[in-house]
């Protein structure tokens, strides 16, 4: 497994009821890439949720995060792209300047 995840499980045991399984094998066909193995292991153990009211962990199998987004992997990546865009926009020195939106490409996500 992953040593850091093992340590986390000692400090913060996973929920007693396992989360619904995520169909990771569908990710490459649906969104064009596979999630990192340690993220998949974390989601398989903990599922989506909030940690100590500070860290939100999203999972591809959650319902749409915003109205109008599709469920599952496509909605997850669309939400992530919107979130990345918003984070970049709020970090610009000039609030009137908006960076170009991110987009999914064959090589991954980029600005």
PDB file of N, CA and C in Angstrom:
ATOM      1  N   UNK A   1       0.843  -1.184   0.000  1.00  0.00           N
ATOM      2  CA  UNK A   1       0.000   0.000   0.000  1.00  0.00           C
ATOM      3  C   UNK A   1       0.885   1.241   0.000  1.00  0.00           C
ATOM      4  N   UNK A   2       0.411   2.324   0.553  1.00  0.00           N
ATOM      5  CA  UNK A   2       1.134   3.586   0.580  1.00  0.00           C
ATOM      6  C   UNK A   2       1.447   3.937   2.034  1.00  0.00           C
ATOM      7  N   UNK A   3       2.737   4.107   2.368  1.00  0.00           N
ATOM      8  CA  UNK A   3       3.109   4.383   3.765  1.00  0.00           C
ATOM      9  C   UNK A   3       2.379   5.591   4.362  1.00  0.00           C
ATOM     10  N   UNK A   4       2.232   6.670   3.601  1.00  0.00           N
ATOM     11  CA  UNK A   4       1.554   7.854   4.135  1.00  0.00           C
ATOM     12  C   UNK A   4       0.082   7.557   4.427  1.00  0.00           C
ATOM     13  N   UNK A   5      -0.553   6.779   3.568  1.00  0.00           N
ATOM     14  CA  UNK A   5      -1.947   6.413   3.806  1.00  0.00           C
ATOM     15  C   UNK A   5      -2.059   5.488   5.018  1.00  0.00           C
ATOM     16  N   UNK A   6      -1.109   4.588   5.179  1.00  0.00           N
ATOM     17  CA  UNK A   6      -1.085   3.728   6.365  1.00  0.00           C
ATOM     18  C   UNK A   6      -0.976   4.562   7.643  1.00  0.00           C
ATOM     19  N   UNK A   7      -0.118   5.576   7.622  1.00  0.00           N
ATOM     20  CA  UNK A   7       0.032   6.450   8.789  1.00  0.00           C
ATOM     21  C   UNK A   7      -1.258   7.225   9.051  1.00  0.00           C
ATOM     22  N   UNK A   8      -1.862   7.712   7.990  1.00  0.00           N
ATOM     23  CA  UNK A   8      -3.122   8.440   8.144  1.00  0.00           C
ATOM     24  C   UNK A   8      -4.194   7.547   8.749  1.00  0.00           C
ATOM     25  N   UNK A   9      -4.257   6.314   8.322  1.00  0.00           N
ATOM     26  CA  UNK A   9      -5.265   5.387   8.844  1.00  0.00           C
ATOM     27  C   UNK A   9      -5.057   5.109  10.327  1.00  0.00           C
ATOM     28  N   UNK A  10      -3.822   5.199  10.789  1.00  0.00           N
ATOM     29  CA  UNK A  10      -3.557   5.045  12.224  1.00  0.00           C
ATOM     30  C   UNK A  10      -4.066   6.268  12.999  1.00  0.00           C
ATOM     31  N   UNK A  11      -3.857   7.465  12.426  1.00  0.00           N
ATOM     32  CA  UNK A  11      -4.266   8.702  13.090  1.00  0.00           C
ATOM     33  C   UNK A  11      -5.762   8.990  12.943  1.00  0.00           C
ATOM     34  N   UNK A  12      -6.300   8.630  11.791  1.00  0.00           N
ATOM     35  CA  UNK A  12      -7.694   8.916  11.485  1.00  0.00           C
ATOM     36  C   UNK A  12      -8.291   7.672  10.813  1.00  0.00           C
ATOM     37  N   UNK A  13      -8.794   6.747  11.613  1.00  0.00           N
ATOM     38  CA  UNK A  13      -9.316   5.503  11.028  1.00  0.00           C
ATOM     39  C   UNK A  13     -10.435   5.776  10.019  1.00  0.00           C
ATOM     40  N   UNK A  14     -10.497   4.971   8.967  1.00  0.00           N
ATOM     41  CA  UNK A  14     -11.575   5.119   7.984  1.00  0.00           C
ATOM     42  C   UNK A  14     -12.936   4.879   8.635  1.00  0.00           C
ATOM     43  N   UNK A  15     -14.001   5.304   7.982  1.00  0.00           N
ATOM     44  CA  UNK A  15     -15.337   5.085   8.542  1.00  0.00           C
ATOM     45  C   UNK A  15     -15.637   3.595   8.674  1.00  0.00           C
ATOM     46  N   UNK A  16     -16.489   3.234   9.623  1.00  0.00           N
ATOM     47  CA  UNK A  16     -16.788   1.817   9.832  1.00  0.00           C
ATOM     48  C   UNK A  16     -17.481   1.167   8.627  1.00  0.00           C
ATOM     49  N   UNK A  17     -18.248   1.950   7.899  1.00  0.00           N
ATOM     50  CA  UNK A  17     -18.911   1.436   6.706  1.00  0.00           C
ATOM     51  C   UNK A  17     -18.136   1.919   5.486  1.00  0.00           C
ATOM     52  N   UNK A  18     -17.701   0.995   4.684  1.00  0.00           N
ATOM     53  CA  UNK A  18     -16.914   1.350   3.502  1.00  0.00           C
ATOM     54  C   UNK A  18     -17.745   2.183   2.530  1.00  0.00           C
ATOM     55  N   UNK A  19     -17.112   3.175   1.872  1.00  0.00           N
ATOM     56  CA  UNK A  19     -17.858   3.957   0.886  1.00  0.00           C
ATOM     57  C   UNK A  19     -18.223   3.105  -0.333  1.00  0.00           C
ATOM     58  N   UNK A  20     -19.167   3.587  -1.100  1.00  0.00           N
ATOM     59  CA  UNK A  20     -19.540   2.881  -2.329  1.00  0.00           C
ATOM     60  C   UNK A  20     -18.316   2.783  -3.236  1.00  0.00           C
ATOM     61  N   UNK A  21     -18.136   1.648  -3.887  1.00  0.00           N
ATOM     62  CA  UNK A  21     -16.954   1.499  -4.744  1.00  0.00           C
ATOM     63  C   UNK A  21     -16.992   2.455  -5.943  1.00  0.00           C
ATOM     64  N   UNK A  22     -15.838   2.943  -6.300  1.00  0.00           N
ATOM     65  CA  UNK A  22     -15.691   3.818  -7.460  1.00  0.00           C
ATOM     66  C   UNK A  22     -15.241   2.977  -8.641  1.00  0.00           C
ATOM     67  N   UNK A  23     -15.895   3.086  -9.785  1.00  0.00           N
ATOM     68  CA  UNK A  23     -15.490   2.296 -10.951  1.00  0.00           C
ATOM     69  C   UNK A  23     -14.262   2.909 -11.645  1.00  0.00           C
ATOM     70  N   UNK A  24     -13.109   2.799 -10.991  1.00  0.00           N
ATOM     71  CA  UNK A  24     -11.885   3.430 -11.497  1.00  0.00           C
ATOM     72  C   UNK A  24     -11.543   2.985 -12.922  1.00  0.00           C
ATOM     73  N   UNK A  25     -11.889   1.756 -13.269  1.00  0.00           N
ATOM     74  CA  UNK A  25     -11.543   1.242 -14.590  1.00  0.00           C
ATOM     75  C   UNK A  25     -12.229   2.024 -15.707  1.00  0.00           C
ATOM     76  N   UNK A  26     -13.292   2.761 -15.388  1.00  0.00           N
ATOM     77  CA  UNK A  26     -14.007   3.547 -16.393  1.00  0.00           C
ATOM     78  C   UNK A  26     -13.378   4.916 -16.649  1.00  0.00           C
ATOM     79  N   UNK A  27     -12.538   5.369 -15.755  1.00  0.00           N
ATOM     80  CA  UNK A  27     -11.992   6.726 -15.859  1.00  0.00           C
ATOM     81  C   UNK A  27     -11.273   6.992 -17.183  1.00  0.00           C
ATOM     82  N   UNK A  28     -10.342   6.151 -17.618  1.00  0.00           N
ATOM     83  CA  UNK A  28      -9.640   6.481 -18.871  1.00  0.00           C
ATOM     84  C   UNK A  28     -10.570   6.664 -20.068  1.00  0.00           C
ATOM     85  N   UNK A  29     -11.571   5.835 -20.182  1.00  0.00           N
ATOM     86  CA  UNK A  29     -12.491   5.945 -21.319  1.00  0.00           C
ATOM     87  C   UNK A  29     -13.409   7.160 -21.191  1.00  0.00           C
ATOM     88  N   UNK A  30     -13.802   7.501 -19.967  1.00  0.00           N
ATOM     89  CA  UNK A  30     -14.764   8.595 -19.771  1.00  0.00           C
ATOM     90  C   UNK A  30     -14.120   9.972 -19.752  1.00  0.00           C
ATOM     91  N   UNK A  31     -12.907  10.066 -19.184  1.00  0.00           N
ATOM     92  CA  UNK A  31     -12.294  11.392 -19.055  1.00  0.00           C
ATOM     93  C   UNK A  31     -10.883  11.476 -19.636  1.00  0.00           C
ATOM     94  N   UNK A  32     -10.346  10.364 -20.106  1.00  0.00           N
ATOM     95  CA  UNK A  32      -9.064  10.413 -20.799  1.00  0.00           C
ATOM     96  C   UNK A  32      -7.825  10.246 -19.947  1.00  0.00           C
ATOM     97  N   UNK A  33      -7.977   9.979 -18.667  1.00  0.00           N
ATOM     98  CA  UNK A  33      -6.816   9.728 -17.804  1.00  0.00           C
ATOM     99  C   UNK A  33      -7.234   8.898 -16.601  1.00  0.00           C
ATOM    100  N   UNK A  34      -6.253   8.337 -15.922  1.00  0.00           N
ATOM    101  CA  UNK A  34      -6.507   7.584 -14.700  1.00  0.00           C
ATOM    102  C   UNK A  34      -6.031   8.421 -13.516  1.00  0.00           C
ATOM    103  N   UNK A  35      -6.764   8.378 -12.438  1.00  0.00           N
ATOM    104  CA  UNK A  35      -6.378   9.099 -11.226  1.00  0.00           C
ATOM    105  C   UNK A  35      -5.162   8.430 -10.594  1.00  0.00           C
ATOM    106  N   UNK A  36      -4.359   9.192  -9.839  1.00  0.00           N
ATOM    107  CA  UNK A  36      -3.192   8.603  -9.172  1.00  0.00           C
ATOM    108  C   UNK A  36      -3.603   7.480  -8.207  1.00  0.00           C
ATOM    109  N   UNK A  37      -2.744   6.491  -8.096  1.00  0.00           N
ATOM    110  CA  UNK A  37      -3.045   5.313  -7.279  1.00  0.00           C
ATOM    111  C   UNK A  37      -3.272   5.660  -5.811  1.00  0.00           C
ATOM    112  N   UNK A  38      -2.517   6.612  -5.253  1.00  0.00           N
ATOM    113  CA  UNK A  38      -2.713   6.943  -3.836  1.00  0.00           C
ATOM    114  C   UNK A  38      -4.049   7.656  -3.606  1.00  0.00           C
ATOM    115  N   UNK A  39      -4.488   8.473  -4.563  1.00  0.00           N
ATOM    116  CA  UNK A  39      -5.807   9.104  -4.455  1.00  0.00           C
ATOM    117  C   UNK A  39      -6.899   8.033  -4.520  1.00  0.00           C
ATOM    118  N   UNK A  40      -6.775   7.090  -5.439  1.00  0.00           N
ATOM    119  CA  UNK A  40      -7.768   6.015  -5.554  1.00  0.00           C
ATOM    120  C   UNK A  40      -7.834   5.216  -4.254  1.00  0.00           C
ATOM    121  N   UNK A  41      -6.681   4.923  -3.662  1.00  0.00           N
ATOM    122  CA  UNK A  41      -6.659   4.173  -2.402  1.00  0.00           C
ATOM    123  C   UNK A  41      -7.323   4.969  -1.270  1.00  0.00           C
ATOM    124  N   UNK A  42      -7.069   6.288  -1.235  1.00  0.00           N
ATOM    125  CA  UNK A  42      -7.688   7.135  -0.211  1.00  0.00           C
ATOM    126  C   UNK A  42      -9.202   7.131  -0.369  1.00  0.00           C
ATOM    127  N   UNK A  43      -9.700   7.348  -1.579  1.00  0.00           N
ATOM    128  CA  UNK A  43     -11.142   7.383  -1.826  1.00  0.00           C
ATOM    129  C   UNK A  43     -11.770   6.021  -1.547  1.00  0.00           C
ATOM    130  N   UNK A  44     -11.082   4.952  -1.902  1.00  0.00           N
ATOM    131  CA  UNK A  44     -11.606   3.616  -1.619  1.00  0.00           C
ATOM    132  C   UNK A  44     -11.741   3.375  -0.115  1.00  0.00           C
ATOM    133  N   UNK A  45     -10.833   3.957   0.667  1.00  0.00           N
ATOM    134  CA  UNK A  45     -10.879   3.761   2.118  1.00  0.00           C
ATOM    135  C   UNK A  45     -11.834   4.724   2.818  1.00  0.00           C
ATOM    136  N   UNK A  46     -11.817   6.000   2.411  1.00  0.00           N
ATOM    137  CA  UNK A  46     -12.557   7.034   3.131  1.00  0.00           C
ATOM    138  C   UNK A  46     -13.790   7.557   2.395  1.00  0.00           C
ATOM    139  N   UNK A  47     -13.763   7.547   1.089  1.00  0.00           N
ATOM    140  CA  UNK A  47     -14.832   8.173   0.327  1.00  0.00           C
ATOM    141  C   UNK A  47     -14.666   9.681   0.328  1.00  0.00           C
ATOM    142  N   UNK A  48     -15.662  10.375  -0.167  1.00  0.00           N
ATOM    143  CA  UNK A  48     -15.633  11.834  -0.198  1.00  0.00           C
ATOM    144  C   UNK A  48     -16.103  12.384   1.145  1.00  0.00           C
ATOM    145  N   UNK A  49     -15.731  13.618   1.419  1.00  0.00           N
ATOM    146  CA  UNK A  49     -16.190  14.238   2.651  1.00  0.00           C
ATOM    147  C   UNK A  49     -15.324  15.399   3.054  1.00  0.00           C
ATOM    148  N   UNK A  50     -15.472  15.770   4.307  1.00  0.00           N
ATOM    149  CA  UNK A  50     -14.748  16.906   4.864  1.00  0.00           C
ATOM    150  C   UNK A  50     -13.921  16.430   6.045  1.00  0.00           C
ATOM    151  N   UNK A  51     -12.707  16.917   6.131  1.00  0.00           N
ATOM    152  CA  UNK A  51     -11.818  16.539   7.229  1.00  0.00           C
ATOM    153  C   UNK A  51     -11.624  17.749   8.128  1.00  0.00           C
ATOM    154  N   UNK A  52     -12.048  17.620   9.371  1.00  0.00           N
ATOM    155  CA  UNK A  52     -11.858  18.642  10.395  1.00  0.00           C
ATOM    156  C   UNK A  52     -12.366  20.022   9.970  1.00  0.00           C
ATOM    157  N   UNK A  53     -13.402  20.057   9.192  1.00  0.00           N
ATOM    158  CA  UNK A  53     -14.020  21.298   8.723  1.00  0.00           C
ATOM    159  C   UNK A  53     -13.056  22.215   7.964  1.00  0.00           C
ATOM    160  N   UNK A  54     -11.971  21.650   7.406  1.00  0.00           N
ATOM    161  CA  UNK A  54     -10.984  22.455   6.687  1.00  0.00           C
ATOM    162  C   UNK A  54     -10.646  21.919   5.303  1.00  0.00           C
ATOM    163  N   UNK A  55     -10.741  20.643   5.120  1.00  0.00           N
ATOM    164  CA  UNK A  55     -10.309  20.039   3.859  1.00  0.00           C
ATOM    165  C   UNK A  55     -11.462  19.249   3.257  1.00  0.00           C
ATOM    166  N   UNK A  56     -11.897  19.676   2.089  1.00  0.00           N
ATOM    167  CA  UNK A  56     -12.937  18.944   1.372  1.00  0.00           C
ATOM    168  C   UNK A  56     -12.279  17.993   0.396  1.00  0.00           C
ATOM    169  N   UNK A  57     -12.687  16.748   0.444  1.00  0.00           N
ATOM    170  CA  UNK A  57     -12.165  15.736  -0.462  1.00  0.00           C
ATOM    171  C   UNK A  57     -13.307  15.301  -1.367  1.00  0.00           C
ATOM    172  N   UNK A  58     -13.124  15.497  -2.655  1.00  0.00           N
ATOM    173  CA  UNK A  58     -14.151  15.140  -3.625  1.00  0.00           C
ATOM    174  C   UNK A  58     -13.832  13.787  -4.244  1.00  0.00           C
ATOM    175  N   UNK A  59     -14.876  13.101  -4.632  1.00  0.00           N
ATOM    176  CA  UNK A  59     -14.737  11.809  -5.306  1.00  0.00           C
ATOM    177  C   UNK A  59     -15.546  11.846  -6.591  1.00  0.00           C
ATOM    178  N   UNK A  60     -15.084  11.165  -7.630  1.00  0.00           N
ATOM    179  CA  UNK A  60     -15.791  11.188  -8.907  1.00  0.00           C
ATOM    180  C   UNK A  60     -17.201  10.620  -8.859  1.00  0.00           C
ATOM    181  N   UNK A  61     -17.517   9.830  -7.866  1.00  0.00           N
ATOM    182  CA  UNK A  61     -18.837   9.207  -7.815  1.00  0.00           C
ATOM    183  C   UNK A  61     -19.865  10.034  -7.068  1.00  0.00           C
ATOM    184  N   UNK A  62     -19.490  11.223  -6.597  1.00  0.00           N
ATOM    185  CA  UNK A  62     -20.453  12.097  -5.923  1.00  0.00           C
ATOM    186  C   UNK A  62     -21.476  12.592  -6.925  1.00  0.00           C
ATOM    187  N   UNK A  63     -22.604  13.017  -6.391  1.00  0.00           N
ATOM    188  CA  UNK A  63     -23.600  13.653  -7.249  1.00  0.00           C
ATOM    189  C   UNK A  63     -22.995  14.917  -7.848  1.00  0.00           C
ATOM    190  N   UNK A  64     -23.628  15.486  -8.861  1.00  0.00           N
ATOM    191  CA  UNK A  64     -23.067  16.722  -9.434  1.00  0.00           C
ATOM    192  C   UNK A  64     -22.834  17.763  -8.346  1.00  0.00           C
ATOM    193  N   UNK A  65     -21.707  18.433  -8.432  1.00  0.00           N
ATOM    194  CA  UNK A  65     -21.323  19.418  -7.427  1.00  0.00           C
ATOM    195  C   UNK A  65     -22.063  20.729  -7.629  1.00  0.00           C
ATOM    196  N   UNK A  66     -22.488  20.974  -8.852  1.00  0.00           N
ATOM    197  CA  UNK A  66     -23.218  22.195  -9.164  1.00  0.00           C
ATOM    198  C   UNK A  66     -24.345  21.840 -10.127  1.00  0.00           C
ATOM    199  N   UNK A  67     -25.444  22.576 -10.068  1.00  0.00           N
ATOM    200  CA  UNK A  67     -26.523  22.314 -11.028  1.00  0.00           C
ATOM    201  C   UNK A  67     -26.007  22.438 -12.462  1.00  0.00           C
ATOM    202  N   UNK A  68     -26.440  21.532 -13.291  1.00  0.00           N
ATOM    203  CA  UNK A  68     -26.052  21.567 -14.697  1.00  0.00           C
ATOM    204  C   UNK A  68     -24.861  20.714 -15.048  1.00  0.00           C
ATOM    205  N   UNK A  69     -24.109  20.271 -14.057  1.00  0.00           N
ATOM    206  CA  UNK A  69     -22.967  19.400 -14.336  1.00  0.00           C
ATOM    207  C   UNK A  69     -23.435  17.945 -14.370  1.00  0.00           C
ATOM    208  N   UNK A  70     -22.841  17.135 -15.243  1.00  0.00           N
ATOM    209  CA  UNK A  70     -23.228  15.726 -15.292  1.00  0.00           C
ATOM    210  C   UNK A  70     -22.706  14.970 -14.074  1.00  0.00           C
ATOM    211  N   UNK A  71     -23.295  13.823 -13.745  1.00  0.00           N
ATOM    212  CA  UNK A  71     -22.787  13.032 -12.618  1.00  0.00           C
ATOM    213  C   UNK A  71     -21.518  12.274 -13.014  1.00  0.00           C
ATOM    214  N   UNK A  72     -20.854  11.733 -12.013  1.00  0.00           N
ATOM    215  CA  UNK A  72     -19.709  10.859 -12.255  1.00  0.00           C
ATOM    216  C   UNK A  72     -18.461  11.578 -12.731  1.00  0.00           C
ATOM    217  N   UNK A  73     -17.620  10.848 -13.460  1.00  0.00           N
ATOM    218  CA  UNK A  73     -16.325  11.363 -13.883  1.00  0.00           C
ATOM    219  C   UNK A  73     -16.410  12.670 -14.681  1.00  0.00           C
ATOM    220  N   UNK A  74     -17.308  12.787 -15.672  1.00  0.00           N
ATOM    221  CA  UNK A  74     -17.363  14.049 -16.427  1.00  0.00           C
ATOM    222  C   UNK A  74     -17.710  15.264 -15.555  1.00  0.00           C
ATOM    223  N   UNK A  75     -18.643  15.106 -14.623  1.00  0.00           N
ATOM    224  CA  UNK A  75     -18.993  16.201 -13.723  1.00  0.00           C
ATOM    225  C   UNK A  75     -17.860  16.551 -12.783  1.00  0.00           C
ATOM    226  N   UNK A  76     -17.141  15.538 -12.341  1.00  0.00           N
ATOM    227  CA  UNK A  76     -16.004  15.751 -11.448  1.00  0.00           C
ATOM    228  C   UNK A  76     -14.939  16.601 -12.130  1.00  0.00           C
ATOM    229  N   UNK A  77     -14.582  16.243 -13.356  1.00  0.00           N
ATOM    230  CA  UNK A  77     -13.541  16.999 -14.050  1.00  0.00           C
ATOM    231  C   UNK A  77     -14.033  18.395 -14.430  1.00  0.00           C
ATOM    232  N   UNK A  78     -15.303  18.537 -14.801  1.00  0.00           N
ATOM    233  CA  UNK A  78     -15.837  19.869 -15.127  1.00  0.00           C
ATOM    234  C   UNK A  78     -15.793  20.763 -13.890  1.00  0.00           C
ATOM    235  N   UNK A  79     -16.171  20.218 -12.737  1.00  0.00           N
ATOM    236  CA  UNK A  79     -16.119  20.989 -11.504  1.00  0.00           C
ATOM    237  C   UNK A  79     -14.680  21.365 -11.168  1.00  0.00           C
ATOM    238  N   UNK A  80     -13.753  20.423 -11.316  1.00  0.00           N
ATOM    239  CA  UNK A  80     -12.347  20.695 -11.016  1.00  0.00           C
ATOM    240  C   UNK A  80     -11.807  21.801 -11.912  1.00  0.00           C
ATOM    241  N   UNK A  81     -12.165  21.783 -13.187  1.00  0.00           N
ATOM    242  CA  UNK A  81     -11.709  22.840 -14.089  1.00  0.00           C
ATOM    243  C   UNK A  81     -12.262  24.194 -13.660  1.00  0.00           C
ATOM    244  N   UNK A  82     -13.522  24.254 -13.254  1.00  0.00           N
ATOM    245  CA  UNK A  82     -14.103  25.511 -12.785  1.00  0.00           C
ATOM    246  C   UNK A  82     -13.408  25.990 -11.518  1.00  0.00           C
ATOM    247  N   UNK A  83     -13.097  25.052 -10.629  1.00  0.00           N
ATOM    248  CA  UNK A  83     -12.438  25.390  -9.371  1.00  0.00           C
ATOM    249  C   UNK A  83     -11.025  25.910  -9.627  1.00  0.00           C
ATOM    250  N   UNK A  84     -10.303  25.277 -10.538  1.00  0.00           N
ATOM    251  CA  UNK A  84      -8.955  25.726 -10.882  1.00  0.00           C
ATOM    252  C   UNK A  84      -9.025  27.130 -11.485  1.00  0.00           C
ATOM    253  N   UNK A  85      -9.974  27.346 -12.376  1.00  0.00           N
ATOM    254  CA  UNK A  85     -10.139  28.663 -12.990  1.00  0.00           C
ATOM    255  C   UNK A  85     -10.400  29.711 -11.916  1.00  0.00           C
ATOM    256  N   UNK A  86     -11.303  29.414 -10.984  1.00  0.00           N
ATOM    257  CA  UNK A  86     -11.633  30.370  -9.925  1.00  0.00           C
ATOM    258  C   UNK A  86     -10.421  30.654  -9.043  1.00  0.00           C
ATOM    259  N   UNK A  87      -9.651  29.626  -8.726  1.00  0.00           N
ATOM    260  CA  UNK A  87      -8.464  29.815  -7.883  1.00  0.00           C
ATOM    261  C   UNK A  87      -7.438  30.690  -8.595  1.00  0.00           C
ATOM    262  N   UNK A  88      -7.254  30.460  -9.874  1.00  0.00           N
ATOM    263  CA  UNK A  88      -6.300  31.291 -10.627  1.00  0.00           C
ATOM    264  C   UNK A  88      -6.796  32.722 -10.721  1.00  0.00           C
ATOM    265  N   UNK A  89      -8.079  32.916 -10.928  1.00  0.00           N
ATOM    266  CA  UNK A  89      -8.638  34.250 -11.060  1.00  0.00           C
ATOM    267  C   UNK A  89      -8.478  35.032  -9.762  1.00  0.00           C
ATOM    268  N   UNK A  90      -8.723  34.391  -8.624  1.00  0.00           N
ATOM    269  CA  UNK A  90      -8.632  35.100  -7.349  1.00  0.00           C
ATOM    270  C   UNK A  90      -7.192  35.396  -6.955  1.00  0.00           C
ATOM    271  N   UNK A  91      -6.236  34.721  -7.561  1.00  0.00           N
ATOM    272  CA  UNK A  91      -4.826  34.959  -7.218  1.00  0.00           C
ATOM    273  C   UNK A  91      -4.168  36.016  -8.095  1.00  0.00           C
ATOM    274  N   UNK A  92      -4.860  36.506  -9.091  1.00  0.00           N
ATOM    275  CA  UNK A  92      -4.258  37.534  -9.928  1.00  0.00           C
ATOM    276  C   UNK A  92      -4.189  38.829  -9.152  1.00  0.00           C
ATOM    277  N   UNK A  93      -3.164  39.613  -9.443  1.00  0.00           N
ATOM    278  CA  UNK A  93      -3.020  40.892  -8.742  1.00  0.00           C
ATOM    279  C   UNK A  93      -4.079  41.877  -9.187  1.00  0.00           C
ATOM    280  N   UNK A  94      -4.443  41.842 -10.436  1.00  0.00           N
ATOM    281  CA  UNK A  94      -5.449  42.742 -10.968  1.00  0.00           C
ATOM    282  C   UNK A  94      -6.750  41.963 -11.114  1.00  0.00           C
ATOM    283  N   UNK A  95      -7.729  42.235 -10.290  1.00  0.00           N
ATOM    284  CA  UNK A  95      -8.976  41.479 -10.278  1.00  0.00           C
ATOM    285  C   UNK A  95      -9.760  41.626 -11.580  1.00  0.00           C
ATOM    286  N   UNK A  96      -9.438  42.645 -12.369  1.00  0.00           N
ATOM    287  CA  UNK A  96     -10.120  42.819 -13.648  1.00  0.00           C
ATOM    288  C   UNK A  96      -9.572  41.875 -14.710  1.00  0.00           C
ATOM    289  N   UNK A  97      -8.376  41.342 -14.447  1.00  0.00           N
ATOM    290  CA  UNK A  97      -7.760  40.427 -15.407  1.00  0.00           C
ATOM    291  C   UNK A  97      -8.179  39.003 -15.072  1.00  0.00           C
ATOM    292  N   UNK A  98      -8.700  38.295 -16.039  1.00  0.00           N
ATOM    293  CA  UNK A  98      -9.078  36.900 -15.838  1.00  0.00           C
ATOM    294  C   UNK A  98      -8.203  36.033 -16.729  1.00  0.00           C
ATOM    295  N   UNK A  99      -7.544  35.042 -16.158  1.00  0.00           N
ATOM    296  CA  UNK A  99      -6.707  34.170 -16.988  1.00  0.00           C
ATOM    297  C   UNK A  99      -7.558  33.298 -17.907  1.00  0.00           C
ATOM    298  N   UNK A 100      -6.920  32.764 -18.909  1.00  0.00           N
ATOM    299  CA  UNK A 100      -7.625  31.866 -19.826  1.00  0.00           C
ATOM    300  C   UNK A 100      -8.118  30.652 -19.065  1.00  0.00           C
ATOM    301  N   UNK A 101      -9.305  30.148 -19.403  1.00  0.00           N
ATOM    302  CA  UNK A 101      -9.823  28.973 -18.691  1.00  0.00           C
ATOM    303  C   UNK A 101      -8.986  27.734 -18.963  1.00  0.00           C
ATOM    304  N   UNK A 102      -9.031  26.796 -18.030  1.00  0.00           N
ATOM    305  CA  UNK A 102      -8.335  25.528 -18.224  1.00  0.00           C
ATOM    306  C   UNK A 102      -9.153  24.660 -19.174  1.00  0.00           C
ATOM    307  N   UNK A 103      -8.501  23.696 -19.753  1.00  0.00           N
ATOM    308  CA  UNK A 103      -9.231  22.767 -20.635  1.00  0.00           C
ATOM    309  C   UNK A 103      -8.577  21.404 -20.581  1.00  0.00           C
ATOM    310  N   UNK A 104      -9.382  20.401 -20.786  1.00  0.00           N
ATOM    311  CA  UNK A 104      -8.906  19.017 -20.804  1.00  0.00           C
ATOM    312  C   UNK A 104      -8.305  18.733 -22.172  1.00  0.00           C
ATOM    313  N   UNK A 105      -7.084  18.243 -22.206  1.00  0.00           N
ATOM    314  CA  UNK A 105      -6.438  17.896 -23.468  1.00  0.00           C
ATOM    315  C   UNK A 105      -5.918  16.471 -23.366  1.00  0.00           C
ATOM    316  N   UNK A 106      -5.410  15.985 -24.461  1.00  0.00           N
ATOM    317  CA  UNK A 106      -4.901  14.622 -24.478  1.00  0.00           C
ATOM    318  C   UNK A 106      -3.808  14.400 -23.449  1.00  0.00           C
ATOM    319  N   UNK A 107      -2.959  15.415 -23.229  1.00  0.00           N
ATOM    320  CA  UNK A 107      -1.854  15.298 -22.273  1.00  0.00           C
ATOM    321  C   UNK A 107      -2.239  15.601 -20.850  1.00  0.00           C
ATOM    322  N   UNK A 108      -3.438  16.038 -20.587  1.00  0.00           N
ATOM    323  CA  UNK A 108      -3.860  16.361 -19.233  1.00  0.00           C
ATOM    324  C   UNK A 108      -4.490  17.739 -19.184  1.00  0.00           C
ATOM    325  N   UNK A 109      -4.613  18.274 -17.981  1.00  0.00           N
ATOM    326  CA  UNK A 109      -5.246  19.576 -17.817  1.00  0.00           C
ATOM    327  C   UNK A 109      -4.170  20.646 -17.890  1.00  0.00           C
ATOM    328  N   UNK A 110      -4.471  21.760 -18.517  1.00  0.00           N
ATOM    329  CA  UNK A 110      -3.511  22.859 -18.601  1.00  0.00           C
ATOM    330  C   UNK A 110      -4.249  24.176 -18.715  1.00  0.00           C
ATOM    331  N   UNK A 111      -3.525  25.230 -18.565  1.00  0.00           N
ATOM    332  CA  UNK A 111      -4.093  26.566 -18.701  1.00  0.00           C
ATOM    333  C   UNK A 111      -4.000  26.998 -20.137  1.00  0.00           C
TER     334      UNK A 111
END
